Amino acid sequence: MSGTAWTNGDQIPIREVLFRWLTSAAVIRPDGAVLSWWNDAHPGFPYPEAAALWLSWAAWRRARRDPVPEAQQIARVTGRLARDLLEDGGIGAGGSRFLFDTCLAVDALARTVLPAEDPDSAMERLGAMDAAAERISRWVDEPAPVVPMPRDPDRWSRRWDPHLLRAAGILARGARALEHRELLGASRRLVERIPGDAPGGPVTLHAHCYGLEGRWMLQGPDPAVVAAIEALVGVQQRDGSLPAHAGEPGAGRSDATAQAVRLWCASRSDALSRPIRRGCSWLLAQIHRHRGIRYEAGSEDRNTWAALFADQALAWATEGGVDGDWI
């Protein structure tokens, strides 16, 4: 798909549509909080994990020399995420703090570049990362990757599950940026803690793709990893989307579909050009002319993390290659 230039009905490039929305008041609050989604009838909520992903997205765009959010906006998001992280040494949602989310936050803060940062803000950011590093180092040995102990421990995000390989890969990247040996050691211990396979039951494709992304970050194009990525084609639906669960056809999910496209692009297999094209076509159909991307087909929730993943997926698919800088 190299060379493809996708535009909306107003002939605005689709990636620019996503960029404008992701830097708008629909996503970023004046205090720097990043919302989970936008929907007037079903309001989103401030979501620190989305803030971490947003900062990682901004860092990725800067490295590519793509347009980036204004420095003041990045500074507000950075400051808010640092304060959220300082409160408990971790971030999450719904009264819970997650190891996964916290690893993403450390990496995002480590990679954020601000042209000018006052000393107090810089100290706050460093203090937040130090507090999180201490918490992560202990967390790897605790009963659950979420605190307090969850009432629904069987949910994928609340158990030691292969999706945490992504957290390990992200944490290793942040540790290298910080030259933080303790965090690098925590990343290795986290890999050892994660079971080889997810428990039985329906496979949540969003989580499964996270696991594959983590394996790629940690192992690169290992033949077993490439084979697992290629196997995702088996769950792609006729319309080009991936549903919520493997083996359970349903409304396509934009986050899992964008993740699959990224993984297929990473594999660089000519055999995957058609699945990539079909996945991108479906994603394009979910993007509103001016208001982000639907979480799933038929939904009016315009999802923040799905938009971030879709921007990277479309960039990689357009250019026929991967820069390796996973959001």
C-alpha atoms as a PDB file:
ATOM      1  CA  MET A   1       0.000   0.000   0.000  1.00  0.00           C
ATOM      2  CA  SER A   2       3.033   2.230  -0.222  1.00  0.00           C
ATOM      3  CA  GLY A   3       2.197   5.654  -1.581  1.00  0.00           C
ATOM      4  CA  THR A   4      -1.512   5.552  -0.723  1.00  0.00           C
ATOM      5  CA  ALA A   5      -2.863   8.973   0.299  1.00  0.00           C
ATOM      6  CA  TRP A   6      -6.169   8.628   2.112  1.00  0.00           C
ATOM      7  CA  THR A   7      -8.423  11.662   2.464  1.00  0.00           C
ATOM      8  CA  ASN A   8     -11.882  12.365   3.884  1.00  0.00           C
ATOM      9  CA  GLY A   9     -14.872  13.920   2.139  1.00  0.00           C
ATOM     10  CA  ASP A  10     -13.301  17.372   2.449  1.00  0.00           C
ATOM     11  CA  GLN A  11     -10.060  16.080   0.877  1.00  0.00           C
ATOM     12  CA  ILE A  12      -8.219  16.410   4.178  1.00  0.00           C
ATOM     13  CA  PRO A  13      -5.626  13.637   4.670  1.00  0.00           C
ATOM     14  CA  ILE A  14      -6.998  11.062   7.093  1.00  0.00           C
ATOM     15  CA  ARG A  15      -3.939  11.188   9.318  1.00  0.00           C
ATOM     16  CA  GLU A  16      -4.416  14.939   9.590  1.00  0.00           C
ATOM     17  CA  VAL A  17      -8.060  14.361  10.563  1.00  0.00           C
ATOM     18  CA  LEU A  18      -6.907  12.053  13.373  1.00  0.00           C
ATOM     19  CA  PHE A  19      -4.177  14.503  14.419  1.00  0.00           C
ATOM     20  CA  ARG A  20      -6.587  17.445  14.630  1.00  0.00           C
ATOM     21  CA  TRP A  21      -9.051  15.411  16.681  1.00  0.00           C
ATOM     22  CA  LEU A  22      -6.397  13.986  19.024  1.00  0.00           C
ATOM     23  CA  THR A  23      -5.152  17.504  19.805  1.00  0.00           C
ATOM     24  CA  SER A  24      -8.642  18.987  20.208  1.00  0.00           C
ATOM     25  CA  ALA A  25     -10.704  19.835  23.291  1.00  0.00           C
ATOM     26  CA  ALA A  26     -12.712  16.663  22.635  1.00  0.00           C
ATOM     27  CA  VAL A  27      -9.667  14.669  23.797  1.00  0.00           C
ATOM     28  CA  ILE A  28      -7.445  16.980  25.863  1.00  0.00           C
ATOM     29  CA  ARG A  29      -8.851  18.888  28.826  1.00  0.00           C
ATOM     30  CA  PRO A  30      -7.396  22.266  29.872  1.00  0.00           C
ATOM     31  CA  ASP A  31      -5.786  20.612  32.927  1.00  0.00           C
ATOM     32  CA  GLY A  32      -3.941  18.102  30.722  1.00  0.00           C
ATOM     33  CA  ALA A  33      -6.218  15.113  31.347  1.00  0.00           C
ATOM     34  CA  VAL A  34      -6.731  12.882  28.313  1.00  0.00           C
ATOM     35  CA  LEU A  35     -10.226  11.472  27.880  1.00  0.00           C
ATOM     36  CA  SER A  36     -10.956   7.831  27.147  1.00  0.00           C
ATOM     37  CA  TRP A  37     -13.415   8.676  24.386  1.00  0.00           C
ATOM     38  CA  TRP A  38     -15.725  11.395  23.140  1.00  0.00           C
ATOM     39  CA  ASN A  39     -19.500  11.030  22.961  1.00  0.00           C
ATOM     40  CA  ASP A  40     -21.983  13.707  24.079  1.00  0.00           C
ATOM     41  CA  ALA A  41     -24.522  11.038  25.032  1.00  0.00           C
ATOM     42  CA  HIS A  42     -21.961   8.804  26.746  1.00  0.00           C
ATOM     43  CA  PRO A  43     -19.164  11.002  28.119  1.00  0.00           C
ATOM     44  CA  GLY A  44     -15.680   9.607  28.491  1.00  0.00           C
ATOM     45  CA  PHE A  45     -13.508   9.999  31.575  1.00  0.00           C
ATOM     46  CA  PRO A  46      -9.947  11.163  32.321  1.00  0.00           C
ATOM     47  CA  TYR A  47      -7.823   8.101  31.623  1.00  0.00           C
ATOM     48  CA  PRO A  48      -4.124   8.198  32.598  1.00  0.00           C
ATOM     49  CA  GLU A  49      -3.272   5.199  30.386  1.00  0.00           C
ATOM     50  CA  ALA A  50      -4.640   7.121  27.404  1.00  0.00           C
ATOM     51  CA  ALA A  51      -2.462  10.071  28.457  1.00  0.00           C
ATOM     52  CA  ALA A  52       0.606   7.815  28.460  1.00  0.00           C
ATOM     53  CA  LEU A  53      -0.252   6.487  25.011  1.00  0.00           C
ATOM     54  CA  TRP A  54      -0.906  10.037  23.774  1.00  0.00           C
ATOM     55  CA  LEU A  55       2.542  11.190  24.942  1.00  0.00           C
ATOM     56  CA  SER A  56       4.146   8.136  23.346  1.00  0.00           C
ATOM     57  CA  TRP A  57       2.286   8.984  20.127  1.00  0.00           C
ATOM     58  CA  ALA A  58       3.585  12.565  20.271  1.00  0.00           C
ATOM     59  CA  ALA A  59       7.156  11.271  20.777  1.00  0.00           C
ATOM     60  CA  TRP A  60       6.764   8.882  17.831  1.00  0.00           C
ATOM     61  CA  ARG A  61       5.504  11.692  15.601  1.00  0.00           C
ATOM     62  CA  ARG A  62       8.383  13.941  16.648  1.00  0.00           C
ATOM     63  CA  ALA A  63      10.928  11.239  15.799  1.00  0.00           C
ATOM     64  CA  ARG A  64       9.327  10.885  12.337  1.00  0.00           C
ATOM     65  CA  ARG A  65       9.296  14.665  11.811  1.00  0.00           C
ATOM     66  CA  ASP A  66       5.511  14.578  11.508  1.00  0.00           C
ATOM     67  CA  PRO A  67       3.441  17.475  12.881  1.00  0.00           C
ATOM     68  CA  VAL A  68       3.328  17.278  16.682  1.00  0.00           C
ATOM     69  CA  PRO A  69       1.046  18.776  19.347  1.00  0.00           C
ATOM     70  CA  GLU A  70       1.920  22.235  20.622  1.00  0.00           C
ATOM     71  CA  ALA A  71       4.570  22.297  23.332  1.00  0.00           C
ATOM     72  CA  GLN A  72       2.154  23.809  25.875  1.00  0.00           C
ATOM     73  CA  GLN A  73      -0.318  20.996  25.288  1.00  0.00           C
ATOM     74  CA  ILE A  74       2.384  18.349  25.708  1.00  0.00           C
ATOM     75  CA  ALA A  75       3.521  20.102  28.888  1.00  0.00           C
ATOM     76  CA  ARG A  76      -0.007  20.061  30.335  1.00  0.00           C
ATOM     77  CA  VAL A  77      -0.469  16.354  29.579  1.00  0.00           C
ATOM     78  CA  THR A  78       2.988  15.574  30.960  1.00  0.00           C
ATOM     79  CA  GLY A  79       2.338  17.509  34.168  1.00  0.00           C
ATOM     80  CA  ARG A  80      -1.041  15.886  34.758  1.00  0.00           C
ATOM     81  CA  LEU A  81       0.311  12.367  34.144  1.00  0.00           C
ATOM     82  CA  ALA A  82       3.288  13.001  36.439  1.00  0.00           C
ATOM     83  CA  ARG A  83       0.959  14.159  39.234  1.00  0.00           C
ATOM     84  CA  ASP A  84      -1.301  11.134  38.737  1.00  0.00           C
ATOM     85  CA  LEU A  85       1.744   8.881  38.933  1.00  0.00           C
ATOM     86  CA  LEU A  86       3.120  10.606  42.032  1.00  0.00           C
ATOM     87  CA  GLU A  87      -0.060  10.097  44.022  1.00  0.00           C
ATOM     88  CA  ASP A  88       0.331   6.338  44.425  1.00  0.00           C
ATOM     89  CA  GLY A  89       3.362   5.364  42.393  1.00  0.00           C
ATOM     90  CA  GLY A  90       1.007   3.949  39.778  1.00  0.00           C
ATOM     91  CA  ILE A  91      -1.918   4.809  37.513  1.00  0.00           C
ATOM     92  CA  GLY A  92      -5.156   3.106  36.509  1.00  0.00           C
ATOM     93  CA  ALA A  93      -8.888   3.659  36.466  1.00  0.00           C
ATOM     94  CA  GLY A  94     -11.946   2.963  38.580  1.00  0.00           C
ATOM     95  CA  GLY A  95     -10.029   3.088  41.849  1.00  0.00           C
ATOM     96  CA  SER A  96      -7.484   0.460  40.703  1.00  0.00           C
ATOM     97  CA  ARG A  97      -3.847   0.901  39.742  1.00  0.00           C
ATOM     98  CA  PHE A  98      -2.359  -1.311  37.053  1.00  0.00           C
ATOM     99  CA  LEU A  99       1.199  -2.465  36.466  1.00  0.00           C
ATOM    100  CA  PHE A 100       0.541  -2.374  32.707  1.00  0.00           C
ATOM    101  CA  ASP A 101      -0.616   1.252  32.734  1.00  0.00           C
ATOM    102  CA  THR A 102       2.214   2.301  35.033  1.00  0.00           C
ATOM    103  CA  CYS A 103       4.895   0.829  32.759  1.00  0.00           C
ATOM    104  CA  LEU A 104       3.411   2.794  29.852  1.00  0.00           C
ATOM    105  CA  ALA A 105       3.466   5.984  31.920  1.00  0.00           C
ATOM    106  CA  VAL A 106       7.157   5.620  32.866  1.00  0.00           C
ATOM    107  CA  ASP A 107       8.127   5.045  29.250  1.00  0.00           C
ATOM    108  CA  ALA A 108       6.002   7.965  28.013  1.00  0.00           C
ATOM    109  CA  LEU A 109       7.452  10.408  30.540  1.00  0.00           C
ATOM    110  CA  ALA A 110      10.974   9.209  29.753  1.00  0.00           C
ATOM    111  CA  ARG A 111      10.480   9.803  26.013  1.00  0.00           C
ATOM    112  CA  THR A 112       8.712  13.165  26.202  1.00  0.00           C
ATOM    113  CA  VAL A 113      10.722  16.091  24.876  1.00  0.00           C
ATOM    114  CA  LEU A 114       9.805  19.622  25.914  1.00  0.00           C
ATOM    115  CA  PRO A 115      11.679  22.530  24.305  1.00  0.00           C
ATOM    116  CA  ALA A 116      11.548  24.437  27.580  1.00  0.00           C
ATOM    117  CA  GLU A 117      10.629  22.961  30.946  1.00  0.00           C
ATOM    118  CA  ASP A 118      10.742  24.893  34.211  1.00  0.00           C
ATOM    119  CA  PRO A 119      12.789  23.312  37.029  1.00  0.00           C
ATOM    120  CA  ASP A 120       9.738  22.531  39.184  1.00  0.00           C
ATOM    121  CA  SER A 121       8.040  20.616  36.370  1.00  0.00           C
ATOM    122  CA  ALA A 122      11.223  18.756  35.550  1.00  0.00           C
ATOM    123  CA  MET A 123      11.648  17.737  39.191  1.00  0.00           C
ATOM    124  CA  GLU A 124       8.004  16.651  39.353  1.00  0.00           C
ATOM    125  CA  ARG A 125       8.468  14.462  36.294  1.00  0.00           C
ATOM    126  CA  LEU A 126      11.664  12.894  37.649  1.00  0.00           C
ATOM    127  CA  GLY A 127      10.040  12.353  41.042  1.00  0.00           C
ATOM    128  CA  ALA A 128       7.058  10.643  39.400  1.00  0.00           C
ATOM    129  CA  MET A 129       9.309   8.288  37.458  1.00  0.00           C
ATOM    130  CA  ASP A 130      11.372   7.471  40.558  1.00  0.00           C
ATOM    131  CA  ALA A 131       8.222   6.705  42.568  1.00  0.00           C
ATOM    132  CA  ALA A 132       6.886   4.523  39.778  1.00  0.00           C
ATOM    133  CA  ALA A 133      10.201   2.708  39.370  1.00  0.00           C
ATOM    134  CA  GLU A 134      10.214   1.802  43.050  1.00  0.00           C
ATOM    135  CA  ARG A 135       6.609   0.624  42.866  1.00  0.00           C
ATOM    136  CA  ILE A 136       7.144  -1.420  39.699  1.00  0.00           C
ATOM    137  CA  SER A 137      10.189  -3.177  41.165  1.00  0.00           C
ATOM    138  CA  ARG A 138       8.021  -4.460  44.045  1.00  0.00           C
ATOM    139  CA  TRP A 139       4.915  -5.026  41.933  1.00  0.00           C
ATOM    140  CA  VAL A 140       6.510  -7.712  39.780  1.00  0.00           C
ATOM    141  CA  ASP A 141       6.573 -10.040  42.795  1.00  0.00           C
ATOM    142  CA  GLU A 142       3.038  -9.360  44.056  1.00  0.00           C
ATOM    143  CA  PRO A 143      -0.034 -11.612  43.704  1.00  0.00           C
ATOM    144  CA  ALA A 144      -1.755  -9.561  40.995  1.00  0.00           C
ATOM    145  CA  PRO A 145      -0.697  -6.927  38.451  1.00  0.00           C
ATOM    146  CA  VAL A 146      -3.375  -4.619  39.878  1.00  0.00           C
ATOM    147  CA  VAL A 147      -3.962  -3.088  43.311  1.00  0.00           C
ATOM    148  CA  PRO A 148      -6.048  -3.358  45.319  1.00  0.00           C
ATOM    149  CA  MET A 149      -6.740  -7.032  44.696  1.00  0.00           C
ATOM    150  CA  PRO A 150      -9.546  -7.170  42.120  1.00  0.00           C
ATOM    151  CA  ARG A 151     -13.009  -8.545  42.703  1.00  0.00           C
ATOM    152  CA  ASP A 152     -12.983  -9.968  39.171  1.00  0.00           C
ATOM    153  CA  PRO A 153      -9.479 -11.503  38.969  1.00  0.00           C
ATOM    154  CA  ASP A 154     -10.323 -13.552  35.876  1.00  0.00           C
ATOM    155  CA  ARG A 155     -10.555 -10.499  33.626  1.00  0.00           C
ATOM    156  CA  TRP A 156      -7.510 -10.394  31.316  1.00  0.00           C
ATOM    157  CA  SER A 157      -6.314  -6.981  32.494  1.00  0.00           C
ATOM    158  CA  ARG A 158      -6.273  -8.119  36.139  1.00  0.00           C
ATOM    159  CA  ARG A 159      -4.183 -11.270  35.931  1.00  0.00           C
ATOM    160  CA  TRP A 160      -0.655 -12.312  35.039  1.00  0.00           C
ATOM    161  CA  ASP A 161      -1.339 -12.785  31.356  1.00  0.00           C
ATOM    162  CA  PRO A 162       0.648 -12.598  28.073  1.00  0.00           C
ATOM    163  CA  HIS A 163      -0.669  -9.071  27.429  1.00  0.00           C
ATOM    164  CA  LEU A 164       1.917  -7.966  30.009  1.00  0.00           C
ATOM    165  CA  LEU A 165       4.692  -8.811  27.555  1.00  0.00           C
ATOM    166  CA  ARG A 166       3.863  -5.461  25.980  1.00  0.00           C
ATOM    167  CA  ALA A 167       4.363  -3.797  29.357  1.00  0.00           C
ATOM    168  CA  ALA A 168       7.721  -5.565  29.693  1.00  0.00           C
ATOM    169  CA  GLY A 169       8.817  -4.402  26.237  1.00  0.00           C
ATOM    170  CA  ILE A 170       7.656  -0.831  26.850  1.00  0.00           C
ATOM    171  CA  LEU A 171       9.307  -0.800  30.290  1.00  0.00           C
ATOM    172  CA  ALA A 172      12.605  -1.994  28.826  1.00  0.00           C
ATOM    173  CA  ARG A 173      12.499   0.858  26.297  1.00  0.00           C
ATOM    174  CA  GLY A 174      11.819   3.415  29.033  1.00  0.00           C
ATOM    175  CA  ALA A 175      14.536   1.911  31.221  1.00  0.00           C
ATOM    176  CA  ARG A 176      17.084   2.252  28.435  1.00  0.00           C
ATOM    177  CA  ALA A 177      16.067   5.874  27.855  1.00  0.00           C
ATOM    178  CA  LEU A 178      16.528   6.575  31.572  1.00  0.00           C
ATOM    179  CA  GLU A 179      19.638   4.373  31.868  1.00  0.00           C
ATOM    180  CA  HIS A 180      17.818   2.770  34.800  1.00  0.00           C
ATOM    181  CA  ARG A 181      19.254  -0.679  35.565  1.00  0.00           C
ATOM    182  CA  GLU A 182      16.670  -1.468  38.249  1.00  0.00           C
ATOM    183  CA  LEU A 183      13.802  -0.945  35.820  1.00  0.00           C
ATOM    184  CA  LEU A 184      15.554  -3.023  33.175  1.00  0.00           C
ATOM    185  CA  GLY A 185      15.838  -5.808  35.730  1.00  0.00           C
ATOM    186  CA  ALA A 186      12.139  -5.428  36.566  1.00  0.00           C
ATOM    187  CA  SER A 187      11.329  -5.837  32.869  1.00  0.00           C
ATOM    188  CA  ARG A 188      13.251  -9.122  32.747  1.00  0.00           C
ATOM    189  CA  ARG A 189      11.569 -10.389  35.927  1.00  0.00           C
ATOM    190  CA  LEU A 190       8.192  -9.438  34.517  1.00  0.00           C
ATOM    191  CA  VAL A 191       8.815 -11.595  31.440  1.00  0.00           C
ATOM    192  CA  GLU A 192       9.686 -14.524  33.716  1.00  0.00           C
ATOM    193  CA  ARG A 193       6.476 -14.006  35.691  1.00  0.00           C
ATOM    194  CA  ILE A 194       4.165 -14.157  32.662  1.00  0.00           C
ATOM    195  CA  PRO A 195       2.767 -17.590  31.736  1.00  0.00           C
ATOM    196  CA  GLY A 196       3.397 -18.876  28.233  1.00  0.00           C
ATOM    197  CA  ASP A 197      -0.285 -19.063  27.314  1.00  0.00           C
ATOM    198  CA  ALA A 198      -3.448 -17.277  28.368  1.00  0.00           C
ATOM    199  CA  PRO A 199      -5.987 -19.273  30.408  1.00  0.00           C
ATOM    200  CA  GLY A 200      -8.784 -21.070  28.593  1.00  0.00           C
ATOM    201  CA  GLY A 201     -11.894 -19.273  27.444  1.00  0.00           C
ATOM    202  CA  PRO A 202     -12.569 -16.675  24.746  1.00  0.00           C
ATOM    203  CA  VAL A 203      -9.426 -14.968  23.459  1.00  0.00           C
ATOM    204  CA  THR A 204      -9.763 -11.184  23.735  1.00  0.00           C
ATOM    205  CA  LEU A 205      -8.071  -9.991  20.553  1.00  0.00           C
ATOM    206  CA  HIS A 206      -7.097  -6.564  21.905  1.00  0.00           C
ATOM    207  CA  ALA A 207      -5.164  -8.298  24.710  1.00  0.00           C
ATOM    208  CA  HIS A 208      -3.819 -10.991  22.373  1.00  0.00           C
ATOM    209  CA  CYS A 209      -2.409  -8.320  20.058  1.00  0.00           C
ATOM    210  CA  TYR A 210      -0.796  -6.622  23.052  1.00  0.00           C
ATOM    211  CA  GLY A 211       0.961  -9.896  23.805  1.00  0.00           C
ATOM    212  CA  LEU A 212       2.190 -10.211  20.224  1.00  0.00           C
ATOM    213  CA  GLU A 213       3.412  -6.598  20.241  1.00  0.00           C
ATOM    214  CA  GLY A 214       5.347  -7.355  23.417  1.00  0.00           C
ATOM    215  CA  ARG A 215       6.880 -10.461  21.908  1.00  0.00           C
ATOM    216  CA  TRP A 216       7.980  -8.450  18.880  1.00  0.00           C
ATOM    217  CA  MET A 217       9.507  -5.734  21.081  1.00  0.00           C
ATOM    218  CA  LEU A 218      11.404  -8.315  23.130  1.00  0.00           C
ATOM    219  CA  GLN A 219      12.297 -10.911  20.477  1.00  0.00           C
ATOM    220  CA  GLY A 220      12.117  -9.133  17.137  1.00  0.00           C
ATOM    221  CA  PRO A 221      11.221 -11.151  14.004  1.00  0.00           C
ATOM    222  CA  ASP A 222      11.593 -14.532  15.664  1.00  0.00           C
ATOM    223  CA  PRO A 223       9.993 -17.196  13.407  1.00  0.00           C
ATOM    224  CA  ALA A 224       7.518 -18.208  16.130  1.00  0.00           C
ATOM    225  CA  VAL A 225       6.477 -14.578  16.608  1.00  0.00           C
ATOM    226  CA  VAL A 226       6.054 -14.043  12.875  1.00  0.00           C
ATOM    227  CA  ALA A 227       3.962 -17.210  12.613  1.00  0.00           C
ATOM    228  CA  ALA A 228       1.703 -16.024  15.449  1.00  0.00           C
ATOM    229  CA  ILE A 229       1.282 -12.657  13.739  1.00  0.00           C
ATOM    230  CA  GLU A 230       0.392 -14.300  10.443  1.00  0.00           C
ATOM    231  CA  ALA A 231      -2.163 -16.477  12.255  1.00  0.00           C
ATOM    232  CA  LEU A 232      -4.147 -13.316  13.066  1.00  0.00           C
ATOM    233  CA  VAL A 233      -5.405 -13.398   9.489  1.00  0.00           C
ATOM    234  CA  GLY A 234      -7.588 -16.304  10.578  1.00  0.00           C
ATOM    235  CA  VAL A 235      -9.659 -14.035  12.833  1.00  0.00           C
ATOM    236  CA  GLN A 236     -10.020 -11.161  10.360  1.00  0.00           C
ATOM    237  CA  GLN A 237     -13.660 -10.837   9.373  1.00  0.00           C
ATOM    238  CA  ARG A 238     -15.010 -10.485   5.857  1.00  0.00           C
ATOM    239  CA  ASP A 239     -15.304  -6.702   6.258  1.00  0.00           C
ATOM    240  CA  GLY A 240     -11.613  -6.433   7.205  1.00  0.00           C
ATOM    241  CA  SER A 241     -12.110  -5.927  10.949  1.00  0.00           C
ATOM    242  CA  LEU A 242     -11.195  -7.971  13.999  1.00  0.00           C
ATOM    243  CA  PRO A 243     -14.016  -8.654  16.476  1.00  0.00           C
ATOM    244  CA  ALA A 244     -13.739  -8.481  20.257  1.00  0.00           C
ATOM    245  CA  HIS A 245     -13.037 -12.219  20.656  1.00  0.00           C
ATOM    246  CA  ALA A 246     -11.513 -14.902  18.476  1.00  0.00           C
ATOM    247  CA  GLY A 247     -14.068 -17.397  17.243  1.00  0.00           C
ATOM    248  CA  GLU A 248     -16.969 -15.088  18.085  1.00  0.00           C
ATOM    249  CA  PRO A 249     -17.947 -13.019  15.034  1.00  0.00           C
ATOM    250  CA  GLY A 250     -19.345  -9.620  15.903  1.00  0.00           C
ATOM    251  CA  ALA A 251     -18.950  -5.877  15.540  1.00  0.00           C
ATOM    252  CA  GLY A 252     -15.415  -5.000  14.508  1.00  0.00           C
ATOM    253  CA  ARG A 253     -13.203  -3.329  17.105  1.00  0.00           C
ATOM    254  CA  SER A 254     -11.023  -0.466  15.918  1.00  0.00           C
ATOM    255  CA  ASP A 255      -8.295  -0.923  18.540  1.00  0.00           C
ATOM    256  CA  ALA A 256      -7.718  -4.623  17.768  1.00  0.00           C
ATOM    257  CA  THR A 257      -7.968  -4.019  14.011  1.00  0.00           C
ATOM    258  CA  ALA A 258      -5.381  -1.223  14.101  1.00  0.00           C
ATOM    259  CA  GLN A 259      -3.129  -3.387  16.272  1.00  0.00           C
ATOM    260  CA  ALA A 260      -3.387  -6.261  13.788  1.00  0.00           C
ATOM    261  CA  VAL A 261      -2.499  -3.948  10.906  1.00  0.00           C
ATOM    262  CA  ARG A 262       0.570  -2.744  12.798  1.00  0.00           C
ATOM    263  CA  LEU A 263       1.661  -6.314  13.489  1.00  0.00           C
ATOM    264  CA  TRP A 264       1.153  -7.352   9.866  1.00  0.00           C
ATOM    265  CA  CYS A 265       3.168  -4.349   8.722  1.00  0.00           C
ATOM    266  CA  ALA A 266       5.935  -5.278  11.156  1.00  0.00           C
ATOM    267  CA  SER A 267       6.178  -8.786   9.723  1.00  0.00           C
ATOM    268  CA  ARG A 268       6.978  -7.363   6.267  1.00  0.00           C
ATOM    269  CA  SER A 269       5.400 -10.406   4.638  1.00  0.00           C
ATOM    270  CA  ASP A 270       4.149  -9.921   1.082  1.00  0.00           C
ATOM    271  CA  ALA A 271       1.430 -12.476   1.855  1.00  0.00           C
ATOM    272  CA  LEU A 272      -0.122 -10.028   4.328  1.00  0.00           C
ATOM    273  CA  SER A 273      -0.590  -7.112   1.917  1.00  0.00           C
ATOM    274  CA  ARG A 274      -4.247  -8.006   1.326  1.00  0.00           C
ATOM    275  CA  PRO A 275      -5.155  -8.334   5.039  1.00  0.00           C
ATOM    276  CA  ILE A 276      -3.398  -4.988   5.641  1.00  0.00           C
ATOM    277  CA  ARG A 277      -5.361  -3.345   2.834  1.00  0.00           C
ATOM    278  CA  ARG A 278      -8.663  -4.803   4.090  1.00  0.00           C
ATOM    279  CA  GLY A 279      -7.928  -3.782   7.673  1.00  0.00           C
ATOM    280  CA  CYS A 280      -7.072  -0.234   6.638  1.00  0.00           C
ATOM    281  CA  SER A 281     -10.205   0.026   4.500  1.00  0.00           C
ATOM    282  CA  TRP A 282     -12.346  -0.940   7.467  1.00  0.00           C
ATOM    283  CA  LEU A 283     -10.534   1.531   9.758  1.00  0.00           C
ATOM    284  CA  LEU A 284     -11.074   4.322   7.233  1.00  0.00           C
ATOM    285  CA  ALA A 285     -14.792   3.577   7.238  1.00  0.00           C
ATOM    286  CA  GLN A 286     -14.887   4.062  11.016  1.00  0.00           C
ATOM    287  CA  ILE A 287     -13.170   7.464  10.959  1.00  0.00           C
ATOM    288  CA  HIS A 288     -15.560  10.401  11.177  1.00  0.00           C
ATOM    289  CA  ARG A 289     -14.839  13.315   8.864  1.00  0.00           C
ATOM    290  CA  HIS A 290     -13.842  15.453  11.847  1.00  0.00           C
ATOM    291  CA  ARG A 291     -14.458  13.514  15.065  1.00  0.00           C
ATOM    292  CA  GLY A 292     -12.076  10.634  15.539  1.00  0.00           C
ATOM    293  CA  ILE A 293     -12.708   6.931  15.109  1.00  0.00           C
ATOM    294  CA  ARG A 294     -15.528   4.727  16.352  1.00  0.00           C
ATOM    295  CA  TYR A 295     -14.604   2.203  19.037  1.00  0.00           C
ATOM    296  CA  GLU A 296     -16.585  -0.430  17.176  1.00  0.00           C
ATOM    297  CA  ALA A 297     -18.850  -0.562  14.165  1.00  0.00           C
ATOM    298  CA  GLY A 298     -22.087   1.276  14.960  1.00  0.00           C
ATOM    299  CA  SER A 299     -20.749   2.939  18.115  1.00  0.00           C
ATOM    300  CA  GLU A 300     -20.771   6.686  18.677  1.00  0.00           C
ATOM    301  CA  ASP A 301     -17.896   6.448  21.187  1.00  0.00           C
ATOM    302  CA  ARG A 302     -14.909   8.023  19.403  1.00  0.00           C
ATOM    303  CA  ASN A 303     -12.086   6.180  21.119  1.00  0.00           C
ATOM    304  CA  THR A 304      -8.785   7.842  21.977  1.00  0.00           C
ATOM    305  CA  TRP A 305      -6.391   4.892  22.109  1.00  0.00           C
ATOM    306  CA  ALA A 306      -7.913   3.401  18.956  1.00  0.00           C
ATOM    307  CA  ALA A 307      -7.270   6.703  17.147  1.00  0.00           C
ATOM    308  CA  LEU A 308      -3.635   6.675  18.312  1.00  0.00           C
ATOM    309  CA  PHE A 309      -3.142   3.098  17.127  1.00  0.00           C
ATOM    310  CA  ALA A 310      -4.943   3.805  13.845  1.00  0.00           C
ATOM    311  CA  ASP A 311      -2.706   6.782  13.074  1.00  0.00           C
ATOM    312  CA  GLN A 312       0.376   4.595  13.436  1.00  0.00           C
ATOM    313  CA  ALA A 313      -1.197   1.699  11.529  1.00  0.00           C
ATOM    314  CA  LEU A 314      -2.132   3.931   8.588  1.00  0.00           C
ATOM    315  CA  ALA A 315       1.327   5.518   8.559  1.00  0.00           C
ATOM    316  CA  TRP A 316       3.075   2.160   8.490  1.00  0.00           C
ATOM    317  CA  ALA A 317       0.709   0.736   5.880  1.00  0.00           C
ATOM    318  CA  THR A 318       1.076   3.828   3.671  1.00  0.00           C
ATOM    319  CA  GLU A 319       4.851   3.737   3.743  1.00  0.00           C
ATOM    320  CA  GLY A 320       5.160  -0.006   3.304  1.00  0.00           C
ATOM    321  CA  GLY A 321       7.441  -0.282   6.307  1.00  0.00           C
ATOM    322  CA  VAL A 322       7.796   0.081  10.043  1.00  0.00           C
ATOM    323  CA  ASP A 323       9.923   2.499  12.044  1.00  0.00           C
ATOM    324  CA  GLY A 324       9.839   0.103  15.013  1.00  0.00           C
ATOM    325  CA  ASP A 325       8.786   2.810  17.466  1.00  0.00           C
ATOM    326  CA  TRP A 326       5.612   1.215  18.850  1.00  0.00           C
ATOM    327  CA  ILE A 327       3.103   3.521  20.503  1.00  0.00           C
END
